[in-house]
PDB file of N, CA and C in Angstrom:
ATOM      1  N   MET A   1      -0.605  24.683  19.915  1.00  0.00           N
ATOM      2  CA  MET A   1      -1.568  25.695  21.609  1.00  0.00           C
ATOM      3  C   MET A   1      -1.504  27.394  20.592  1.00  0.00           C
ATOM      4  N   GLY A   2      -1.783  27.793  21.278  1.00  0.00           N
ATOM      5  CA  GLY A   2      -2.232  29.320  20.866  1.00  0.00           C
ATOM      6  C   GLY A   2      -1.984  30.118  22.008  1.00  0.00           C
ATOM      7  N   VAL A   3      -2.552  31.131  21.727  1.00  0.00           N
ATOM      8  CA  VAL A   3      -1.653  32.492  22.996  1.00  0.00           C
ATOM      9  C   VAL A   3      -2.635  33.641  22.643  1.00  0.00           C
ATOM     10  N   LYS A   4      -3.859  34.270  22.862  1.00  0.00           N
ATOM     11  CA  LYS A   4      -4.367  35.666  23.181  1.00  0.00           C
ATOM     12  C   LYS A   4      -3.366  36.846  22.775  1.00  0.00           C
ATOM     13  N   ILE A   5      -3.270  37.932  22.234  1.00  0.00           N
ATOM     14  CA  ILE A   5      -1.906  39.041  22.811  1.00  0.00           C
ATOM     15  C   ILE A   5      -3.253  40.032  22.606  1.00  0.00           C
ATOM     16  N   VAL A   6      -3.390  40.371  23.335  1.00  0.00           N
ATOM     17  CA  VAL A   6      -4.051  42.625  23.227  1.00  0.00           C
ATOM     18  C   VAL A   6      -2.581  43.858  23.030  1.00  0.00           C
ATOM     19  N   CYS A   7      -2.657  44.075  22.469  1.00  0.00           N
ATOM     20  CA  CYS A   7      -2.238  45.736  21.832  1.00  0.00           C
ATOM     21  C   CYS A   7      -1.348  45.883  23.108  1.00  0.00           C
ATOM     22  N   PRO A   8      -1.121  46.447  23.204  1.00  0.00           N
ATOM     23  CA  PRO A   8      -1.257  47.809  24.416  1.00  0.00           C
ATOM     24  C   PRO A   8      -1.553  49.038  24.132  1.00  0.00           C
ATOM     25  N   LYS A   9      -0.996  49.245  22.297  1.00  0.00           N
ATOM     26  CA  LYS A   9      -0.506  50.257  22.450  1.00  0.00           C
ATOM     27  C   LYS A   9      -2.312  50.714  21.543  1.00  0.00           C
ATOM     28  N   CYS A  10      -3.345  49.745  19.680  1.00  0.00           N
ATOM     29  CA  CYS A  10      -4.023  50.036  19.780  1.00  0.00           C
ATOM     30  C   CYS A  10      -4.921  49.405  20.413  1.00  0.00           C
ATOM     31  N   GLY A  11      -4.744  48.265  21.210  1.00  0.00           N
ATOM     32  CA  GLY A  11      -6.225  47.347  21.904  1.00  0.00           C
ATOM     33  C   GLY A  11      -6.801  46.348  21.231  1.00  0.00           C
ATOM     34  N   ALA A  12      -5.956  46.139  19.654  1.00  0.00           N
ATOM     35  CA  ALA A  12      -6.231  45.311  19.093  1.00  0.00           C
ATOM     36  C   ALA A  12      -6.407  43.833  19.274  1.00  0.00           C
ATOM     37  N   GLU A  13      -6.710  42.539  19.324  1.00  0.00           N
ATOM     38  CA  GLU A  13      -6.587  41.894  19.667  1.00  0.00           C
ATOM     39  C   GLU A  13      -5.500  40.418  18.170  1.00  0.00           C
ATOM     40  N   GLY A  14      -4.554  39.458  18.797  1.00  0.00           N
ATOM     41  CA  GLY A  14      -4.308  39.389  17.958  1.00  0.00           C
ATOM     42  C   GLY A  14      -4.029  37.443  18.806  1.00  0.00           C
ATOM     43  N   PHE A  15      -3.465  36.939  17.678  1.00  0.00           N
ATOM     44  CA  PHE A  15      -3.287  35.248  17.910  1.00  0.00           C
ATOM     45  C   PHE A  15      -1.911  34.902  18.068  1.00  0.00           C
ATOM     46  N   PHE A  16      -1.519  34.110  18.715  1.00  0.00           N
ATOM     47  CA  PHE A  16      -0.231  33.818  18.505  1.00  0.00           C
ATOM     48  C   PHE A  16       0.033  32.467  18.782  1.00  0.00           C
ATOM     49  N   SER A  17      -0.192  31.590  17.505  1.00  0.00           N
ATOM     50  CA  SER A  17      -0.082  29.899  17.448  1.00  0.00           C
ATOM     51  C   SER A  17       1.419  28.920  17.721  1.00  0.00           C
ATOM     52  N   LEU A  18       1.829  28.403  18.716  1.00  0.00           N
ATOM     53  CA  LEU A  18       2.915  27.935  19.002  1.00  0.00           C
ATOM     54  C   LEU A  18       3.096  26.491  19.422  1.00  0.00           C
ATOM     55  N   ARG A  19       3.780  25.756  18.718  1.00  0.00           N
ATOM     56  CA  ARG A  19       4.668  24.572  18.867  1.00  0.00           C
ATOM     57  C   ARG A  19       5.035  24.148  20.024  1.00  0.00           C
ATOM     58  N   ASP A  20       5.494  24.945  21.047  1.00  0.00           N
ATOM     59  CA  ASP A  20       6.694  24.863  22.315  1.00  0.00           C
ATOM     60  C   ASP A  20       5.314  25.688  23.182  1.00  0.00           C
ATOM     61  N   PRO A  21       5.795  25.425  24.221  1.00  0.00           N
ATOM     62  CA  PRO A  21       4.966  25.854  25.282  1.00  0.00           C
ATOM     63  C   PRO A  21       5.765  27.889  25.780  1.00  0.00           C
ATOM     64  N   GLY A  22       6.702  27.881  25.260  1.00  0.00           N
ATOM     65  CA  GLY A  22       7.037  28.495  25.059  1.00  0.00           C
ATOM     66  C   GLY A  22       8.309  29.823  23.927  1.00  0.00           C
ATOM     67  N   TYR A  23       8.421  30.644  23.908  1.00  0.00           N
ATOM     68  CA  TYR A  23       8.764  32.391  23.246  1.00  0.00           C
ATOM     69  C   TYR A  23       9.347  33.065  24.169  1.00  0.00           C
ATOM     70  N   SER A  24       9.766  33.067  23.412  1.00  0.00           N
ATOM     71  CA  SER A  24      11.087  34.351  24.080  1.00  0.00           C
ATOM     72  C   SER A  24      11.071  35.688  21.850  1.00  0.00           C
ATOM     73  N   GLY A  25      11.236  35.721  21.472  1.00  0.00           N
ATOM     74  CA  GLY A  25      10.888  36.753  19.948  1.00  0.00           C
ATOM     75  C   GLY A  25      10.371  38.552  19.700  1.00  0.00           C
ATOM     76  N   PRO A  26      10.663  38.935  19.389  1.00  0.00           N
ATOM     77  CA  PRO A  26       9.367  39.351  18.793  1.00  0.00           C
ATOM     78  C   PRO A  26       8.182  38.576  18.418  1.00  0.00           C
ATOM     79  N   TYR A  27       7.607  40.049  18.490  1.00  0.00           N
ATOM     80  CA  TYR A  27       6.041  40.092  18.039  1.00  0.00           C
ATOM     81  C   TYR A  27       5.751  41.299  17.351  1.00  0.00           C
ATOM     82  N   LYS A  28       4.311  41.406  16.051  1.00  0.00           N
ATOM     83  CA  LYS A  28       4.469  43.069  15.791  1.00  0.00           C
ATOM     84  C   LYS A  28       2.867  42.903  15.645  1.00  0.00           C
ATOM     85  N   CYS A  29       1.835  43.550  16.228  1.00  0.00           N
ATOM     86  CA  CYS A  29       0.624  43.355  16.140  1.00  0.00           C
ATOM     87  C   CYS A  29       0.338  44.140  14.502  1.00  0.00           C
ATOM     88  N   TRP A  30      -0.680  43.424  14.281  1.00  0.00           N
ATOM     89  CA  TRP A  30      -1.397  43.091  13.254  1.00  0.00           C
ATOM     90  C   TRP A  30      -1.588  44.522  12.723  1.00  0.00           C
ATOM     91  N   LYS A  31      -2.259  45.135  13.735  1.00  0.00           N
ATOM     92  CA  LYS A  31      -2.865  46.376  13.148  1.00  0.00           C
ATOM     93  C   LYS A  31      -2.307  47.575  13.670  1.00  0.00           C
ATOM     94  N   CYS A  32      -1.812  47.644  14.036  1.00  0.00           N
ATOM     95  CA  CYS A  32      -0.194  49.230  14.340  1.00  0.00           C
ATOM     96  C   CYS A  32       0.859  48.673  14.003  1.00  0.00           C
ATOM     97  N   ARG A  33       1.532  48.037  13.886  1.00  0.00           N
ATOM     98  CA  ARG A  33       2.386  47.367  12.646  1.00  0.00           C
ATOM     99  C   ARG A  33       3.792  47.533  13.958  1.00  0.00           C
ATOM    100  N   GLU A  34       3.441  47.594  15.633  1.00  0.00           N
ATOM    101  CA  GLU A  34       4.168  47.924  16.055  1.00  0.00           C
ATOM    102  C   GLU A  34       4.673  46.190  16.539  1.00  0.00           C
ATOM    103  N   TYR A  35       6.471  46.250  17.432  1.00  0.00           N
ATOM    104  CA  TYR A  35       7.522  45.069  17.181  1.00  0.00           C
ATOM    105  C   TYR A  35       6.981  45.559  18.897  1.00  0.00           C
ATOM    106  N   TYR A  36       6.879  44.596  19.430  1.00  0.00           N
ATOM    107  CA  TYR A  36       7.313  44.450  21.228  1.00  0.00           C
ATOM    108  C   TYR A  36       8.219  42.616  21.383  1.00  0.00           C
ATOM    109  N   ASN A  37       9.066  42.319  22.520  1.00  0.00           N
ATOM    110  CA  ASN A  37       9.461  41.348  22.636  1.00  0.00           C
ATOM    111  C   ASN A  37       8.809  41.150  22.932  1.00  0.00           C
ATOM    112  N   LEU A  38       8.608  39.741  23.016  1.00  0.00           N
ATOM    113  CA  LEU A  38       7.363  39.116  23.423  1.00  0.00           C
ATOM    114  C   LEU A  38       7.671  37.811  24.916  1.00  0.00           C
ATOM    115  N   ILE A  39       7.190  37.189  26.263  1.00  0.00           N
ATOM    116  CA  ILE A  39       7.688  35.969  26.414  1.00  0.00           C
ATOM    117  C   ILE A  39       6.366  35.782  26.887  1.00  0.00           C
ATOM    118  N   ILE A  40       6.767  34.156  26.401  1.00  0.00           N
ATOM    119  CA  ILE A  40       5.268  33.517  26.932  1.00  0.00           C
ATOM    120  C   ILE A  40       5.820  32.224  27.534  1.00  0.00           C
ATOM    121  N   GLU A  41       6.048  31.857  28.192  1.00  0.00           N
ATOM    122  CA  GLU A  41       5.997  30.216  29.924  1.00  0.00           C
ATOM    123  C   GLU A  41       5.705  29.852  29.803  1.00  0.00           C
ATOM    124  N   ASN A  42       4.910  28.744  29.779  1.00  0.00           N
ATOM    125  CA  ASN A  42       3.608  27.437  30.052  1.00  0.00           C
ATOM    126  C   ASN A  42       2.484  28.273  29.416  1.00  0.00           C
ATOM    127  N   ASP A  43       2.888  29.143  28.481  1.00  0.00           N
ATOM    128  CA  ASP A  43       2.193  29.255  27.176  1.00  0.00           C
ATOM    129  C   ASP A  43       1.176  30.427  28.106  1.00  0.00           C
ATOM    130  N   MET A  44       1.240  31.198  28.529  1.00  0.00           N
ATOM    131  CA  MET A  44       0.762  32.149  29.101  1.00  0.00           C
ATOM    132  C   MET A  44       1.937  33.767  29.217  1.00  0.00           C
ATOM    133  N   ILE A  45       1.487  34.508  28.863  1.00  0.00           N
ATOM    134  CA  ILE A  45       2.468  35.843  28.345  1.00  0.00           C
ATOM    135  C   ILE A  45       3.479  36.248  29.549  1.00  0.00           C
ATOM    136  N   LYS A  46       4.478  36.439  29.515  1.00  0.00           N
ATOM    137  CA  LYS A  46       5.072  36.686  31.196  1.00  0.00           C
ATOM    138  C   LYS A  46       5.547  38.630  30.945  1.00  0.00           C
ATOM    139  N   SER A  47       5.641  38.476  29.350  1.00  0.00           N
ATOM    140  CA  SER A  47       6.155  40.162  29.327  1.00  0.00           C
ATOM    141  C   SER A  47       5.598  40.859  27.511  1.00  0.00           C
ATOM    142  N   LEU A  48       5.533  41.650  27.232  1.00  0.00           N
ATOM    143  CA  LEU A  48       4.727  42.402  26.403  1.00  0.00           C
ATOM    144  C   LEU A  48       5.711  43.737  26.937  1.00  0.00           C
ATOM    145  N   GLN A  49       6.225  44.240  26.415  1.00  0.00           N
ATOM    146  CA  GLN A  49       7.928  45.392  26.315  1.00  0.00           C
ATOM    147  C   GLN A  49       7.871  45.577  24.845  1.00  0.00           C
ATOM    148  N   PRO A  50       7.381  46.983  24.278  1.00  0.00           N
ATOM    149  CA  PRO A  50       8.133  47.795  22.828  1.00  0.00           C
ATOM    150  C   PRO A  50       9.897  47.566  22.907  1.00  0.00           C
ATOM    151  N   PHE A  51       9.463  47.477  21.968  1.00  0.00           N
ATOM    152  CA  PHE A  51      11.372  47.377  21.405  1.00  0.00           C
ATOM    153  C   PHE A  51      11.486  49.084  21.579  1.00  0.00           C
ATOM    154  N   SER A  52      13.431  48.652  21.190  1.00  0.00           N
ATOM    155  CA  SER A  52      14.224  50.607  22.789  1.00  0.00           C
ATOM    156  C   SER A  52      14.007  50.686  20.719  1.00  0.00           C
ATOM    157  N   PRO A  53      14.290  51.927  19.799  1.00  0.00           N
ATOM    158  CA  PRO A  53      14.242  52.840  18.361  1.00  0.00           C
ATOM    159  C   PRO A  53      15.584  52.024  18.626  1.00  0.00           C
ATOM    160  N   GLU A  54      16.931  51.214  19.148  1.00  0.00           N
ATOM    161  CA  GLU A  54      17.653  50.481  19.081  1.00  0.00           C
ATOM    162  C   GLU A  54      17.624  48.693  18.006  1.00  0.00           C
ATOM    163  N   GLN A  55      16.773  48.454  18.483  1.00  0.00           N
ATOM    164  CA  GLN A  55      15.918  47.252  18.191  1.00  0.00           C
ATOM    165  C   GLN A  55      15.042  47.073  18.119  1.00  0.00           C
ATOM    166  N   LEU A  56      14.279  48.697  16.892  1.00  0.00           N
ATOM    167  CA  LEU A  56      13.515  48.209  15.910  1.00  0.00           C
ATOM    168  C   LEU A  56      14.164  48.527  14.876  1.00  0.00           C
ATOM    169  N   LYS A  57      15.126  48.725  15.209  1.00  0.00           N
ATOM    170  CA  LYS A  57      15.203  49.344  13.963  1.00  0.00           C
ATOM    171  C   LYS A  57      16.543  48.323  12.986  1.00  0.00           C
ATOM    172  N   GLN A  58      17.501  47.158  14.222  1.00  0.00           N
ATOM    173  CA  GLN A  58      17.896  46.215  13.602  1.00  0.00           C
ATOM    174  C   GLN A  58      17.076  45.288  13.301  1.00  0.00           C
ATOM    175  N   GLN A  59      15.332  45.342  13.880  1.00  0.00           N
ATOM    176  CA  GLN A  59      13.956  44.514  13.384  1.00  0.00           C
ATOM    177  C   GLN A  59      13.347  45.114  11.662  1.00  0.00           C
ATOM    178  N   GLN A  60      13.225  46.079  11.188  1.00  0.00           N
ATOM    179  CA  GLN A  60      13.262  46.852  10.246  1.00  0.00           C
ATOM    180  C   GLN A  60      14.186  46.444   9.403  1.00  0.00           C
ATOM    181  N   GLU A  61      15.748  45.790   9.709  1.00  0.00           N
ATOM    182  CA  GLU A  61      16.506  45.956   8.309  1.00  0.00           C
ATOM    183  C   GLU A  61      16.912  44.154   8.241  1.00  0.00           C
ATOM    184  N   TYR A  62      16.473  43.615   9.262  1.00  0.00           N
ATOM    185  CA  TYR A  62      15.881  42.185   9.390  1.00  0.00           C
ATOM    186  C   TYR A  62      14.837  41.857   8.543  1.00  0.00           C
ATOM    187  N   GLU A  63      14.214  42.078   8.420  1.00  0.00           N
ATOM    188  CA  GLU A  63      12.453  42.303   8.067  1.00  0.00           C
ATOM    189  C   GLU A  63      12.645  43.237   7.041  1.00  0.00           C
ATOM    190  N   ALA A  64      13.272  44.065   5.957  1.00  0.00           N
ATOM    191  CA  ALA A  64      13.160  44.389   4.799  1.00  0.00           C
ATOM    192  C   ALA A  64      14.545  42.792   4.129  1.00  0.00           C
ATOM    193  N   LEU A  65      15.829  41.945   4.717  1.00  0.00           N
ATOM    194  CA  LEU A  65      16.817  41.438   4.400  1.00  0.00           C
ATOM    195  C   LEU A  65      15.489  40.704   4.095  1.00  0.00           C
ATOM    196  N   LYS A  66      14.930  39.996   4.530  1.00  0.00           N
ATOM    197  CA  LYS A  66      14.491  39.225   4.477  1.00  0.00           C
ATOM    198  C   LYS A  66      12.784  38.456   3.454  1.00  0.00           C
ATOM    199  N   THR A  67      13.129  40.162   2.350  1.00  0.00           N
ATOM    200  CA  THR A  67      12.028  40.055   1.516  1.00  0.00           C
ATOM    201  C   THR A  67      12.576  40.363   0.214  1.00  0.00           C
ATOM    202  N   LYS A  68      13.957  41.275   0.902  1.00  0.00           N
ATOM    203  CA  LYS A  68      14.855  40.668   0.103  1.00  0.00           C
ATOM    204  C   LYS A  68      15.464  39.304  -0.543  1.00  0.00           C
ATOM    205  N   MET A  69      15.667  38.225  -0.004  1.00  0.00           N
ATOM    206  CA  MET A  69      15.909  37.342   0.528  1.00  0.00           C
ATOM    207  C   MET A  69      15.150  36.826  -0.808  1.00  0.00           C
ATOM    208  N   ARG A  70      13.740  36.209  -0.774  1.00  0.00           N
ATOM    209  CA  ARG A  70      12.838  36.212  -0.935  1.00  0.00           C
ATOM    210  C   ARG A  70      11.758  36.837  -2.231  1.00  0.00           C
ATOM    211  N   GLY A  71      13.129  37.526  -2.720  1.00  0.00           N
ATOM    212  CA  GLY A  71      13.319  37.934  -4.215  1.00  0.00           C
ATOM    213  C   GLY A  71      11.776  39.700  -4.014  1.00  0.00           C
ATOM    214  N   GLY A  72      11.658  39.625  -2.900  1.00  0.00           N
ATOM    215  CA  GLY A  72      10.435  40.716  -3.068  1.00  0.00           C
ATOM    216  C   GLY A  72      10.720  41.766  -3.439  1.00  0.00           C
ATOM    217  N   GLY A  73      11.267  42.508  -3.522  1.00  0.00           N
ATOM    218  CA  GLY A  73      12.855  44.424  -3.840  1.00  0.00           C
ATOM    219  C   GLY A  73      11.774  45.056  -4.885  1.00  0.00           C
ATOM    220  N   GLN A  74      12.471  45.108  -5.852  1.00  0.00           N
ATOM    221  CA  GLN A  74      11.862  46.326  -6.317  1.00  0.00           C
ATOM    222  C   GLN A  74      11.876  45.927  -7.875  1.00  0.00           C
ATOM    223  N   PRO A  75      11.263  46.095  -8.112  1.00  0.00           N
ATOM    224  CA  PRO A  75      11.211  45.642  -9.348  1.00  0.00           C
ATOM    225  C   PRO A  75      11.832  45.685 -10.615  1.00  0.00           C
ATOM    226  N   PRO A  76      12.299  45.136 -11.578  1.00  0.00           N
ATOM    227  CA  PRO A  76      13.680  45.721 -12.767  1.00  0.00           C
ATOM    228  C   PRO A  76      13.010  46.995 -13.385  1.00  0.00           C
ATOM    229  N   LYS A  77      13.945  47.803 -13.391  1.00  0.00           N
ATOM    230  CA  LYS A  77      13.483  49.161 -14.609  1.00  0.00           C
ATOM    231  C   LYS A  77      14.129  48.491 -16.180  1.00  0.00           C
TER     232      LYS A  77
END
C-alpha cells in the first residue's frame, strides 16, 4: 500500500510505501529535504508536522551515524 504526500513547504508530491496500514515516524521531502513527523492510520495521513529544532538535530545525527556505519564517511587521506 502507499500514500501520496504533498509537502507543506514546497508543494512537491511524494509517495510513501507501506506494508502495514499505519505508520508513525519521520518523513523527508525528496525535493526541499524538510523533515516532518508523519502519522498514517488506516492508509490515511492523520498528521504531517515539521520537526522541532531539537527533533531535526536528533534526526540529522541519526542520519550521519547511519551513513558512517555504512562506510559512507570521508575517504581515507
